[in-house]
Amino acid sequence: MMLWAEDNSRYYKDPRKMTRWDDPVTSFLAAKSVDLTKGQKKVIAAFRMQRGMTDDQLIAQVAKNGDKLSPSGCRSRRKELVELGILRDSGHKQKTVSGRLTTVWELAV
């Protein structure tokens, strides 16, 4: 099944994405209204408890909330929510335990 144009210029390569860059605004609004998965809802709940978080902080907050979601599951659900426009890069960075800089994510809506 073809999910994007041959030159890859118009369509997203990720089949989970539901809009193209040149779709009307109504398409983007419709995509945002799609039902979220249980894992995505757990991640959103964590962001409602603590506003801006790195992935490591998100993993800790999800566990603190008593939700069962693996570390890779947390990161994957966060990425999906970024793609849906529900989460975004806050523009801030924090150092990880290993001293590397990482993105602080926040709710976009």
PDB file of N, CA and C in Angstrom:
ATOM      1  N   MET A   1       0.840  -1.176   0.000  1.00  0.00           N
ATOM      2  CA  MET A   1       0.000   0.000   0.000  1.00  0.00           C
ATOM      3  C   MET A   1       0.884   1.238   0.000  1.00  0.00           C
ATOM      4  N   MET A   2       0.579   2.205  -0.866  1.00  0.00           N
ATOM      5  CA  MET A   2       1.351   3.439  -0.954  1.00  0.00           C
ATOM      6  C   MET A   2       0.822   4.425   0.078  1.00  0.00           C
ATOM      7  N   LEU A   3       1.669   4.853   0.974  1.00  0.00           N
ATOM      8  CA  LEU A   3       1.267   5.793   2.002  1.00  0.00           C
ATOM      9  C   LEU A   3       1.800   7.192   1.750  1.00  0.00           C
ATOM     10  N   TRP A   4       2.625   7.338   0.742  1.00  0.00           N
ATOM     11  CA  TRP A   4       3.184   8.658   0.464  1.00  0.00           C
ATOM     12  C   TRP A   4       3.601   8.745  -0.992  1.00  0.00           C
ATOM     13  N   ALA A   5       3.832   9.946  -1.449  1.00  0.00           N
ATOM     14  CA  ALA A   5       4.219  10.176  -2.836  1.00  0.00           C
ATOM     15  C   ALA A   5       5.588   9.583  -3.108  1.00  0.00           C
ATOM     16  N   GLU A   6       5.837   9.271  -4.363  1.00  0.00           N
ATOM     17  CA  GLU A   6       7.121   8.685  -4.746  1.00  0.00           C
ATOM     18  C   GLU A   6       8.302   9.533  -4.307  1.00  0.00           C
ATOM     19  N   ASP A   7       8.173  10.858  -4.387  1.00  0.00           N
ATOM     20  CA  ASP A   7       9.296  11.723  -4.016  1.00  0.00           C
ATOM     21  C   ASP A   7       9.328  12.028  -2.515  1.00  0.00           C
ATOM     22  N   ASN A   8       8.399  11.441  -1.751  1.00  0.00           N
ATOM     23  CA  ASN A   8       8.335  11.603  -0.291  1.00  0.00           C
ATOM     24  C   ASN A   8       8.151  13.047   0.150  1.00  0.00           C
ATOM     25  N   SER A   9       7.732  13.930  -0.744  1.00  0.00           N
ATOM     26  CA  SER A   9       7.672  15.338  -0.396  1.00  0.00           C
ATOM     27  C   SER A   9       6.349  15.747   0.243  1.00  0.00           C
ATOM     28  N   ARG A  10       5.291  15.037  -0.013  1.00  0.00           N
ATOM     29  CA  ARG A  10       3.988  15.512   0.422  1.00  0.00           C
ATOM     30  C   ARG A  10       3.426  14.749   1.607  1.00  0.00           C
ATOM     31  N   TYR A  11       3.665  13.480   1.685  1.00  0.00           N
ATOM     32  CA  TYR A  11       3.047  12.658   2.707  1.00  0.00           C
ATOM     33  C   TYR A  11       4.036  12.288   3.790  1.00  0.00           C
ATOM     34  N   TYR A  12       3.538  12.107   4.993  1.00  0.00           N
ATOM     35  CA  TYR A  12       4.379  11.610   6.069  1.00  0.00           C
ATOM     36  C   TYR A  12       4.688  10.146   5.819  1.00  0.00           C
ATOM     37  N   LYS A  13       5.871   9.721   6.194  1.00  0.00           N
ATOM     38  CA  LYS A  13       6.266   8.335   6.009  1.00  0.00           C
ATOM     39  C   LYS A  13       5.652   7.434   7.078  1.00  0.00           C
ATOM     40  N   ASP A  14       5.370   7.975   8.226  1.00  0.00           N
ATOM     41  CA  ASP A  14       4.828   7.204   9.337  1.00  0.00           C
ATOM     42  C   ASP A  14       3.339   6.976   9.109  1.00  0.00           C
ATOM     43  N   PRO A  15       2.902   5.730   8.926  1.00  0.00           N
ATOM     44  CA  PRO A  15       1.489   5.476   8.647  1.00  0.00           C
ATOM     45  C   PRO A  15       0.567   5.851   9.801  1.00  0.00           C
ATOM     46  N   ARG A  16       1.110   6.040  11.019  1.00  0.00           N
ATOM     47  CA  ARG A  16       0.268   6.454  12.148  1.00  0.00           C
ATOM     48  C   ARG A  16      -0.101   7.923  12.058  1.00  0.00           C
ATOM     49  N   LYS A  17       0.632   8.664  11.264  1.00  0.00           N
ATOM     50  CA  LYS A  17       0.293  10.077  11.094  1.00  0.00           C
ATOM     51  C   LYS A  17      -0.924  10.161  10.187  1.00  0.00           C
ATOM     52  N   MET A  18      -1.798  11.066  10.522  1.00  0.00           N
ATOM     53  CA  MET A  18      -3.062  11.125   9.820  1.00  0.00           C
ATOM     54  C   MET A  18      -3.223  12.352   8.943  1.00  0.00           C
ATOM     55  N   THR A  19      -2.203  13.183   8.840  1.00  0.00           N
ATOM     56  CA  THR A  19      -2.307  14.386   8.018  1.00  0.00           C
ATOM     57  C   THR A  19      -1.037  14.578   7.207  1.00  0.00           C
ATOM     58  N   ARG A  20      -1.176  15.366   6.147  1.00  0.00           N
ATOM     59  CA  ARG A  20      -0.040  15.754   5.319  1.00  0.00           C
ATOM     60  C   ARG A  20       0.246  17.223   5.587  1.00  0.00           C
ATOM     61  N   TRP A  21       1.444  17.667   5.291  1.00  0.00           N
ATOM     62  CA  TRP A  21       1.836  19.046   5.602  1.00  0.00           C
ATOM     63  C   TRP A  21       0.957  20.079   4.923  1.00  0.00           C
ATOM     64  N   ASP A  22       0.354  19.755   3.778  1.00  0.00           N
ATOM     65  CA  ASP A  22      -0.447  20.745   3.059  1.00  0.00           C
ATOM     66  C   ASP A  22      -1.952  20.537   3.217  1.00  0.00           C
ATOM     67  N   ASP A  23      -2.355  19.704   4.186  1.00  0.00           N
ATOM     68  CA  ASP A  23      -3.781  19.518   4.467  1.00  0.00           C
ATOM     69  C   ASP A  23      -4.375  20.780   5.079  1.00  0.00           C
ATOM     70  N   PRO A  24      -5.680  20.984   4.900  1.00  0.00           N
ATOM     71  CA  PRO A  24      -6.319  22.143   5.542  1.00  0.00           C
ATOM     72  C   PRO A  24      -6.329  21.981   7.058  1.00  0.00           C
ATOM     73  N   VAL A  25      -6.486  23.076   7.760  1.00  0.00           N
ATOM     74  CA  VAL A  25      -6.452  23.070   9.220  1.00  0.00           C
ATOM     75  C   VAL A  25      -7.491  22.116   9.804  1.00  0.00           C
ATOM     76  N   THR A  26      -8.611  21.938   9.117  1.00  0.00           N
ATOM     77  CA  THR A  26      -9.647  21.037   9.624  1.00  0.00           C
ATOM     78  C   THR A  26      -9.148  19.601   9.722  1.00  0.00           C
ATOM     79  N   SER A  27      -8.241  19.210   8.847  1.00  0.00           N
ATOM     80  CA  SER A  27      -7.667  17.860   8.919  1.00  0.00           C
ATOM     81  C   SER A  27      -6.820  17.691  10.170  1.00  0.00           C
ATOM     82  N   PHE A  28      -6.064  18.730  10.515  1.00  0.00           N
ATOM     83  CA  PHE A  28      -5.241  18.677  11.715  1.00  0.00           C
ATOM     84  C   PHE A  28      -6.120  18.626  12.969  1.00  0.00           C
ATOM     85  N   LEU A  29      -7.210  19.387  12.963  1.00  0.00           N
ATOM     86  CA  LEU A  29      -8.129  19.376  14.099  1.00  0.00           C
ATOM     87  C   LEU A  29      -8.794  18.011  14.236  1.00  0.00           C
ATOM     88  N   ALA A  30      -9.162  17.406  13.134  1.00  0.00           N
ATOM     89  CA  ALA A  30      -9.778  16.080  13.172  1.00  0.00           C
ATOM     90  C   ALA A  30      -8.789  15.047  13.708  1.00  0.00           C
ATOM     91  N   ALA A  31      -7.541  15.136  13.289  1.00  0.00           N
ATOM     92  CA  ALA A  31      -6.518  14.191  13.751  1.00  0.00           C
ATOM     93  C   ALA A  31      -6.326  14.294  15.258  1.00  0.00           C
ATOM     94  N   LYS A  32      -6.414  15.514  15.787  1.00  0.00           N
ATOM     95  CA  LYS A  32      -6.249  15.697  17.227  1.00  0.00           C
ATOM     96  C   LYS A  32      -7.419  15.120  18.020  1.00  0.00           C
ATOM     97  N   SER A  33      -8.564  14.944  17.373  1.00  0.00           N
ATOM     98  CA  SER A  33      -9.735  14.450  18.089  1.00  0.00           C
ATOM     99  C   SER A  33      -9.792  12.927  18.147  1.00  0.00           C
ATOM    100  N   VAL A  34      -8.821  12.265  17.562  1.00  0.00           N
ATOM    101  CA  VAL A  34      -8.786  10.804  17.543  1.00  0.00           C
ATOM    102  C   VAL A  34      -8.612  10.251  18.955  1.00  0.00           C
ATOM    103  N   ASP A  35      -9.261   9.129  19.217  1.00  0.00           N
ATOM    104  CA  ASP A  35      -9.142   8.485  20.530  1.00  0.00           C
ATOM    105  C   ASP A  35      -7.692   8.127  20.820  1.00  0.00           C
ATOM    106  N   LEU A  36      -7.279   8.379  22.042  1.00  0.00           N
ATOM    107  CA  LEU A  36      -5.920   8.073  22.471  1.00  0.00           C
ATOM    108  C   LEU A  36      -5.868   6.670  23.066  1.00  0.00           C
ATOM    109  N   THR A  37      -4.686   6.058  23.023  1.00  0.00           N
ATOM    110  CA  THR A  37      -4.503   4.746  23.632  1.00  0.00           C
ATOM    111  C   THR A  37      -4.378   4.900  25.143  1.00  0.00           C
ATOM    112  N   LYS A  38      -4.488   3.782  25.837  1.00  0.00           N
ATOM    113  CA  LYS A  38      -4.340   3.809  27.307  1.00  0.00           C
ATOM    114  C   LYS A  38      -2.959   4.326  27.699  1.00  0.00           C
ATOM    115  N   GLY A  39      -1.928   3.899  26.976  1.00  0.00           N
ATOM    116  CA  GLY A  39      -0.568   4.346  27.277  1.00  0.00           C
ATOM    117  C   GLY A  39      -0.404   5.844  27.066  1.00  0.00           C
ATOM    118  N   GLN A  40      -0.990   6.358  26.002  1.00  0.00           N
ATOM    119  CA  GLN A  40      -0.922   7.796  25.742  1.00  0.00           C
ATOM    120  C   GLN A  40      -1.635   8.573  26.840  1.00  0.00           C
ATOM    121  N   LYS A  41      -2.763   8.053  27.310  1.00  0.00           N
ATOM    122  CA  LYS A  41      -3.503   8.712  28.391  1.00  0.00           C
ATOM    123  C   LYS A  41      -2.686   8.717  29.684  1.00  0.00           C
ATOM    124  N   LYS A  42      -1.936   7.647  29.942  1.00  0.00           N
ATOM    125  CA  LYS A  42      -1.075   7.594  31.131  1.00  0.00           C
ATOM    126  C   LYS A  42       0.014   8.661  31.053  1.00  0.00           C
ATOM    127  N   VAL A  43       0.574   8.854  29.865  1.00  0.00           N
ATOM    128  CA  VAL A  43       1.619   9.861  29.682  1.00  0.00           C
ATOM    129  C   VAL A  43       1.042  11.268  29.865  1.00  0.00           C
ATOM    130  N   ILE A  44      -0.126  11.515  29.316  1.00  0.00           N
ATOM    131  CA  ILE A  44      -0.767  12.826  29.480  1.00  0.00           C
ATOM    132  C   ILE A  44      -1.067  13.077  30.958  1.00  0.00           C
ATOM    133  N   ALA A  45      -1.548  12.054  31.666  1.00  0.00           N
ATOM    134  CA  ALA A  45      -1.829  12.197  33.101  1.00  0.00           C
ATOM    135  C   ALA A  45      -0.564  12.575  33.863  1.00  0.00           C
ATOM    136  N   ALA A  46       0.557  11.987  33.484  1.00  0.00           N
ATOM    137  CA  ALA A  46       1.838  12.314  34.132  1.00  0.00           C
ATOM    138  C   ALA A  46       2.198  13.779  33.884  1.00  0.00           C
ATOM    139  N   PHE A  47       1.982  14.268  32.664  1.00  0.00           N
ATOM    140  CA  PHE A  47       2.290  15.667  32.357  1.00  0.00           C
ATOM    141  C   PHE A  47       1.339  16.629  33.051  1.00  0.00           C
ATOM    142  N   ARG A  48       0.151  16.170  33.387  1.00  0.00           N
ATOM    143  CA  ARG A  48      -0.772  17.027  34.134  1.00  0.00           C
ATOM    144  C   ARG A  48      -0.350  17.130  35.594  1.00  0.00           C
ATOM    145  N   MET A  49       0.361  16.129  36.096  1.00  0.00           N
ATOM    146  CA  MET A  49       0.846  16.135  37.477  1.00  0.00           C
ATOM    147  C   MET A  49       2.109  16.991  37.603  1.00  0.00           C
ATOM    148  N   GLN A  50       2.954  16.931  36.594  1.00  0.00           N
ATOM    149  CA  GLN A  50       4.224  17.661  36.596  1.00  0.00           C
ATOM    150  C   GLN A  50       4.398  18.249  35.205  1.00  0.00           C
ATOM    151  N   ARG A  51       4.459  19.531  35.093  1.00  0.00           N
ATOM    152  CA  ARG A  51       4.383  20.200  33.785  1.00  0.00           C
ATOM    153  C   ARG A  51       5.468  19.795  32.798  1.00  0.00           C
ATOM    154  N   GLY A  52       6.654  20.310  32.891  1.00  0.00           N
ATOM    155  CA  GLY A  52       7.720  19.996  31.947  1.00  0.00           C
ATOM    156  C   GLY A  52       8.569  18.854  32.462  1.00  0.00           C
ATOM    157  N   MET A  53       8.843  17.881  31.596  1.00  0.00           N
ATOM    158  CA  MET A  53       9.628  16.715  32.022  1.00  0.00           C
ATOM    159  C   MET A  53      10.513  16.199  30.891  1.00  0.00           C
ATOM    160  N   THR A  54      11.639  15.646  31.296  1.00  0.00           N
ATOM    161  CA  THR A  54      12.481  14.882  30.380  1.00  0.00           C
ATOM    162  C   THR A  54      11.872  13.484  30.298  1.00  0.00           C
ATOM    163  N   ASP A  55      12.384  12.648  29.392  1.00  0.00           N
ATOM    164  CA  ASP A  55      11.887  11.276  29.314  1.00  0.00           C
ATOM    165  C   ASP A  55      12.129  10.529  30.625  1.00  0.00           C
ATOM    166  N   ASP A  56      13.296  10.717  31.246  1.00  0.00           N
ATOM    167  CA  ASP A  56      13.586  10.037  32.515  1.00  0.00           C
ATOM    168  C   ASP A  56      12.614  10.477  33.604  1.00  0.00           C
ATOM    169  N   GLN A  57      12.310  11.768  33.649  1.00  0.00           N
ATOM    170  CA  GLN A  57      11.355  12.267  34.638  1.00  0.00           C
ATOM    171  C   GLN A  57       9.951  11.750  34.348  1.00  0.00           C
ATOM    172  N   LEU A  58       9.612  11.636  33.072  1.00  0.00           N
ATOM    173  CA  LEU A  58       8.320  11.080  32.679  1.00  0.00           C
ATOM    174  C   LEU A  58       8.182   9.644  33.158  1.00  0.00           C
ATOM    175  N   ILE A  59       9.208   8.847  32.934  1.00  0.00           N
ATOM    176  CA  ILE A  59       9.189   7.442  33.359  1.00  0.00           C
ATOM    177  C   ILE A  59       8.970   7.354  34.869  1.00  0.00           C
ATOM    178  N   ALA A  60       9.666   8.193  35.629  1.00  0.00           N
ATOM    179  CA  ALA A  60       9.521   8.204  37.092  1.00  0.00           C
ATOM    180  C   ALA A  60       8.119   8.652  37.503  1.00  0.00           C
ATOM    181  N   GLN A  61       7.567   9.650  36.828  1.00  0.00           N
ATOM    182  CA  GLN A  61       6.235  10.155  37.170  1.00  0.00           C
ATOM    183  C   GLN A  61       5.155   9.125  36.854  1.00  0.00           C
ATOM    184  N   VAL A  62       5.277   8.433  35.745  1.00  0.00           N
ATOM    185  CA  VAL A  62       4.311   7.383  35.394  1.00  0.00           C
ATOM    186  C   VAL A  62       4.318   6.295  36.468  1.00  0.00           C
ATOM    187  N   ALA A  63       5.510   5.894  36.901  1.00  0.00           N
ATOM    188  CA  ALA A  63       5.630   4.884  37.961  1.00  0.00           C
ATOM    189  C   ALA A  63       5.050   5.418  39.273  1.00  0.00           C
ATOM    190  N   LYS A  64       5.326   6.680  39.589  1.00  0.00           N
ATOM    191  CA  LYS A  64       4.813   7.308  40.811  1.00  0.00           C
ATOM    192  C   LYS A  64       3.284   7.342  40.812  1.00  0.00           C
ATOM    193  N   ASN A  65       2.694   7.507  39.628  1.00  0.00           N
ATOM    194  CA  ASN A  65       1.238   7.506  39.500  1.00  0.00           C
ATOM    195  C   ASN A  65       0.656   6.106  39.645  1.00  0.00           C
ATOM    196  N   GLY A  66       1.527   5.096  39.717  1.00  0.00           N
ATOM    197  CA  GLY A  66       1.065   3.715  39.851  1.00  0.00           C
ATOM    198  C   GLY A  66       0.682   3.072  38.530  1.00  0.00           C
ATOM    199  N   ASP A  67       1.020   3.728  37.424  1.00  0.00           N
ATOM    200  CA  ASP A  67       0.699   3.181  36.104  1.00  0.00           C
ATOM    201  C   ASP A  67       1.804   2.248  35.637  1.00  0.00           C
ATOM    202  N   LYS A  68       1.424   1.190  34.950  1.00  0.00           N
ATOM    203  CA  LYS A  68       2.399   0.235  34.431  1.00  0.00           C
ATOM    204  C   LYS A  68       2.637   0.531  32.959  1.00  0.00           C
ATOM    205  N   LEU A  69       3.830   1.046  32.692  1.00  0.00           N
ATOM    206  CA  LEU A  69       4.260   1.342  31.335  1.00  0.00           C
ATOM    207  C   LEU A  69       5.782   1.281  31.349  1.00  0.00           C
ATOM    208  N   SER A  70       6.349   0.465  30.469  1.00  0.00           N
ATOM    209  CA  SER A  70       7.802   0.304  30.443  1.00  0.00           C
ATOM    210  C   SER A  70       8.487   1.605  30.046  1.00  0.00           C
ATOM    211  N   PRO A  71       9.780   1.744  30.376  1.00  0.00           N
ATOM    212  CA  PRO A  71      10.508   2.944  29.954  1.00  0.00           C
ATOM    213  C   PRO A  71      10.442   3.187  28.438  1.00  0.00           C
ATOM    214  N   SER A  72      10.624   2.128  27.647  1.00  0.00           N
ATOM    215  CA  SER A  72      10.547   2.319  26.190  1.00  0.00           C
ATOM    216  C   SER A  72       9.120   2.635  25.763  1.00  0.00           C
ATOM    217  N   GLY A  73       8.143   2.080  26.473  1.00  0.00           N
ATOM    218  CA  GLY A  73       6.741   2.391  26.193  1.00  0.00           C
ATOM    219  C   GLY A  73       6.427   3.846  26.480  1.00  0.00           C
ATOM    220  N   CYS A  74       6.978   4.374  27.572  1.00  0.00           N
ATOM    221  CA  CYS A  74       6.796   5.800  27.909  1.00  0.00           C
ATOM    222  C   CYS A  74       7.364   6.681  26.810  1.00  0.00           C
ATOM    223  N   ARG A  75       8.584   6.361  26.379  1.00  0.00           N
ATOM    224  CA  ARG A  75       9.226   7.170  25.333  1.00  0.00           C
ATOM    225  C   ARG A  75       8.449   7.081  24.014  1.00  0.00           C
ATOM    226  N   SER A  76       7.980   5.880  23.677  1.00  0.00           N
ATOM    227  CA  SER A  76       7.221   5.706  22.431  1.00  0.00           C
ATOM    228  C   SER A  76       5.904   6.465  22.468  1.00  0.00           C
ATOM    229  N   ARG A  77       5.191   6.372  23.592  1.00  0.00           N
ATOM    230  CA  ARG A  77       3.910   7.095  23.716  1.00  0.00           C
ATOM    231  C   ARG A  77       4.145   8.601  23.700  1.00  0.00           C
ATOM    232  N   ARG A  78       5.236   9.067  24.330  1.00  0.00           N
ATOM    233  CA  ARG A  78       5.571  10.496  24.307  1.00  0.00           C
ATOM    234  C   ARG A  78       5.824  10.951  22.881  1.00  0.00           C
ATOM    235  N   LYS A  79       6.573  10.169  22.119  1.00  0.00           N
ATOM    236  CA  LYS A  79       6.870  10.507  20.722  1.00  0.00           C
ATOM    237  C   LYS A  79       5.583  10.590  19.903  1.00  0.00           C
ATOM    238  N   GLU A  80       4.675   9.644  20.101  1.00  0.00           N
ATOM    239  CA  GLU A  80       3.400   9.668  19.386  1.00  0.00           C
ATOM    240  C   GLU A  80       2.612  10.938  19.723  1.00  0.00           C
ATOM    241  N   LEU A  81       2.631  11.321  20.988  1.00  0.00           N
ATOM    242  CA  LEU A  81       1.904  12.521  21.416  1.00  0.00           C
ATOM    243  C   LEU A  81       2.538  13.791  20.852  1.00  0.00           C
ATOM    244  N   VAL A  82       3.851  13.774  20.663  1.00  0.00           N
ATOM    245  CA  VAL A  82       4.522  14.905  20.002  1.00  0.00           C
ATOM    246  C   VAL A  82       4.056  14.968  18.548  1.00  0.00           C
ATOM    247  N   GLU A  83       4.022  13.821  17.882  1.00  0.00           N
ATOM    248  CA  GLU A  83       3.585  13.769  16.483  1.00  0.00           C
ATOM    249  C   GLU A  83       2.135  14.216  16.326  1.00  0.00           C
ATOM    250  N   LEU A  84       1.300  13.972  17.333  1.00  0.00           N
ATOM    251  CA  LEU A  84      -0.104  14.384  17.295  1.00  0.00           C
ATOM    252  C   LEU A  84      -0.288  15.849  17.681  1.00  0.00           C
ATOM    253  N   GLY A  85       0.793  16.480  18.160  1.00  0.00           N
ATOM    254  CA  GLY A  85       0.713  17.881  18.544  1.00  0.00           C
ATOM    255  C   GLY A  85       0.181  18.104  19.947  1.00  0.00           C
ATOM    256  N   ILE A  86       0.121  17.056  20.750  1.00  0.00           N
ATOM    257  CA  ILE A  86      -0.381  17.163  22.126  1.00  0.00           C
ATOM    258  C   ILE A  86       0.748  17.536  23.076  1.00  0.00           C
ATOM    259  N   LEU A  87       1.946  17.030  22.796  1.00  0.00           N
ATOM    260  CA  LEU A  87       3.145  17.412  23.540  1.00  0.00           C
ATOM    261  C   LEU A  87       4.081  18.146  22.594  1.00  0.00           C
ATOM    262  N   ARG A  88       4.978  18.953  23.158  1.00  0.00           N
ATOM    263  CA  ARG A  88       5.949  19.672  22.345  1.00  0.00           C
ATOM    264  C   ARG A  88       7.248  19.871  23.127  1.00  0.00           C
ATOM    265  N   ASP A  89       8.289  20.172  22.401  1.00  0.00           N
ATOM    266  CA  ASP A  89       9.577  20.541  22.980  1.00  0.00           C
ATOM    267  C   ASP A  89       9.388  21.899  23.657  1.00  0.00           C
ATOM    268  N   SER A  90       9.746  21.999  24.927  1.00  0.00           N
ATOM    269  CA  SER A  90       9.558  23.252  25.672  1.00  0.00           C
ATOM    270  C   SER A  90      10.598  24.300  25.302  1.00  0.00           C
ATOM    271  N   GLY A  91      11.652  23.877  24.613  1.00  0.00           N
ATOM    272  CA  GLY A  91      12.749  24.785  24.303  1.00  0.00           C
ATOM    273  C   GLY A  91      13.834  24.767  25.370  1.00  0.00           C
ATOM    274  N   HIS A  92      13.609  24.007  26.437  1.00  0.00           N
ATOM    275  CA  HIS A  92      14.580  23.897  27.526  1.00  0.00           C
ATOM    276  C   HIS A  92      15.267  22.538  27.470  1.00  0.00           C
ATOM    277  N   LYS A  93      16.457  22.491  28.019  1.00  0.00           N
ATOM    278  CA  LYS A  93      17.233  21.248  28.114  1.00  0.00           C
ATOM    279  C   LYS A  93      17.636  21.054  29.563  1.00  0.00           C
ATOM    280  N   GLN A  94      17.794  19.795  29.963  1.00  0.00           N
ATOM    281  CA  GLN A  94      18.313  19.458  31.286  1.00  0.00           C
ATOM    282  C   GLN A  94      19.362  18.382  31.123  1.00  0.00           C
ATOM    283  N   LYS A  95      20.239  18.295  32.104  1.00  0.00           N
ATOM    284  CA  LYS A  95      21.257  17.247  32.078  1.00  0.00           C
ATOM    285  C   LYS A  95      20.687  15.961  32.670  1.00  0.00           C
ATOM    286  N   THR A  96      21.045  14.851  32.029  1.00  0.00           N
ATOM    287  CA  THR A  96      20.676  13.537  32.550  1.00  0.00           C
ATOM    288  C   THR A  96      21.654  13.154  33.652  1.00  0.00           C
ATOM    289  N   VAL A  97      21.428  12.022  34.261  1.00  0.00           N
ATOM    290  CA  VAL A  97      22.334  11.510  35.296  1.00  0.00           C
ATOM    291  C   VAL A  97      23.742  11.335  34.733  1.00  0.00           C
ATOM    292  N   SER A  98      23.822  10.973  33.455  1.00  0.00           N
ATOM    293  CA  SER A  98      25.132  10.773  32.822  1.00  0.00           C
ATOM    294  C   SER A  98      25.767  12.089  32.362  1.00  0.00           C
ATOM    295  N   GLY A  99      25.060  13.221  32.543  1.00  0.00           N
ATOM    296  CA  GLY A  99      25.620  14.515  32.198  1.00  0.00           C
ATOM    297  C   GLY A  99      25.314  15.003  30.794  1.00  0.00           C
ATOM    298  N   ARG A 100      24.519  14.242  30.055  1.00  0.00           N
ATOM    299  CA  ARG A 100      24.170  14.651  28.690  1.00  0.00           C
ATOM    300  C   ARG A 100      22.908  15.510  28.715  1.00  0.00           C
ATOM    301  N   LEU A 101      22.808  16.432  27.760  1.00  0.00           N
ATOM    302  CA  LEU A 101      21.622  17.272  27.672  1.00  0.00           C
ATOM    303  C   LEU A 101      20.478  16.508  27.021  1.00  0.00           C
ATOM    304  N   THR A 102      19.280  16.738  27.523  1.00  0.00           N
ATOM    305  CA  THR A 102      18.084  16.090  26.984  1.00  0.00           C
ATOM    306  C   THR A 102      16.955  17.108  26.940  1.00  0.00           C
ATOM    307  N   THR A 103      15.998  16.844  26.090  1.00  0.00           N
ATOM    308  CA  THR A 103      14.850  17.742  25.872  1.00  0.00           C
ATOM    309  C   THR A 103      13.870  17.671  27.044  1.00  0.00           C
ATOM    310  N   VAL A 104      13.337  18.835  27.395  1.00  0.00           N
ATOM    311  CA  VAL A 104      12.243  18.910  28.366  1.00  0.00           C
ATOM    312  C   VAL A 104      10.964  19.068  27.532  1.00  0.00           C
ATOM    313  N   TRP A 105      10.036  18.140  27.711  1.00  0.00           N
ATOM    314  CA  TRP A 105       8.771  18.125  26.981  1.00  0.00           C
ATOM    315  C   TRP A 105       7.669  18.766  27.816  1.00  0.00           C
ATOM    316  N   GLU A 106       6.646  19.313  27.148  1.00  0.00           N
ATOM    317  CA  GLU A 106       5.523  19.914  27.843  1.00  0.00           C
ATOM    318  C   GLU A 106       4.239  19.708  27.049  1.00  0.00           C
ATOM    319  N   LEU A 107       3.104  19.865  27.725  1.00  0.00           N
ATOM    320  CA  LEU A 107       1.811  19.795  27.041  1.00  0.00           C
ATOM    321  C   LEU A 107       1.696  20.981  26.095  1.00  0.00           C
ATOM    322  N   ALA A 108       1.202  20.723  24.896  1.00  0.00           N
ATOM    323  CA  ALA A 108       1.037  21.783  23.910  1.00  0.00           C
ATOM    324  C   ALA A 108      -0.394  22.306  23.891  1.00  0.00           C
ATOM    325  N   VAL A 109      -1.291  21.562  24.484  1.00  0.00           N
ATOM    326  CA  VAL A 109      -2.717  21.947  24.474  1.00  0.00           C
ATOM    327  C   VAL A 109      -3.222  22.196  25.871  1.00  0.00           C
TER     328      VAL A 109
END
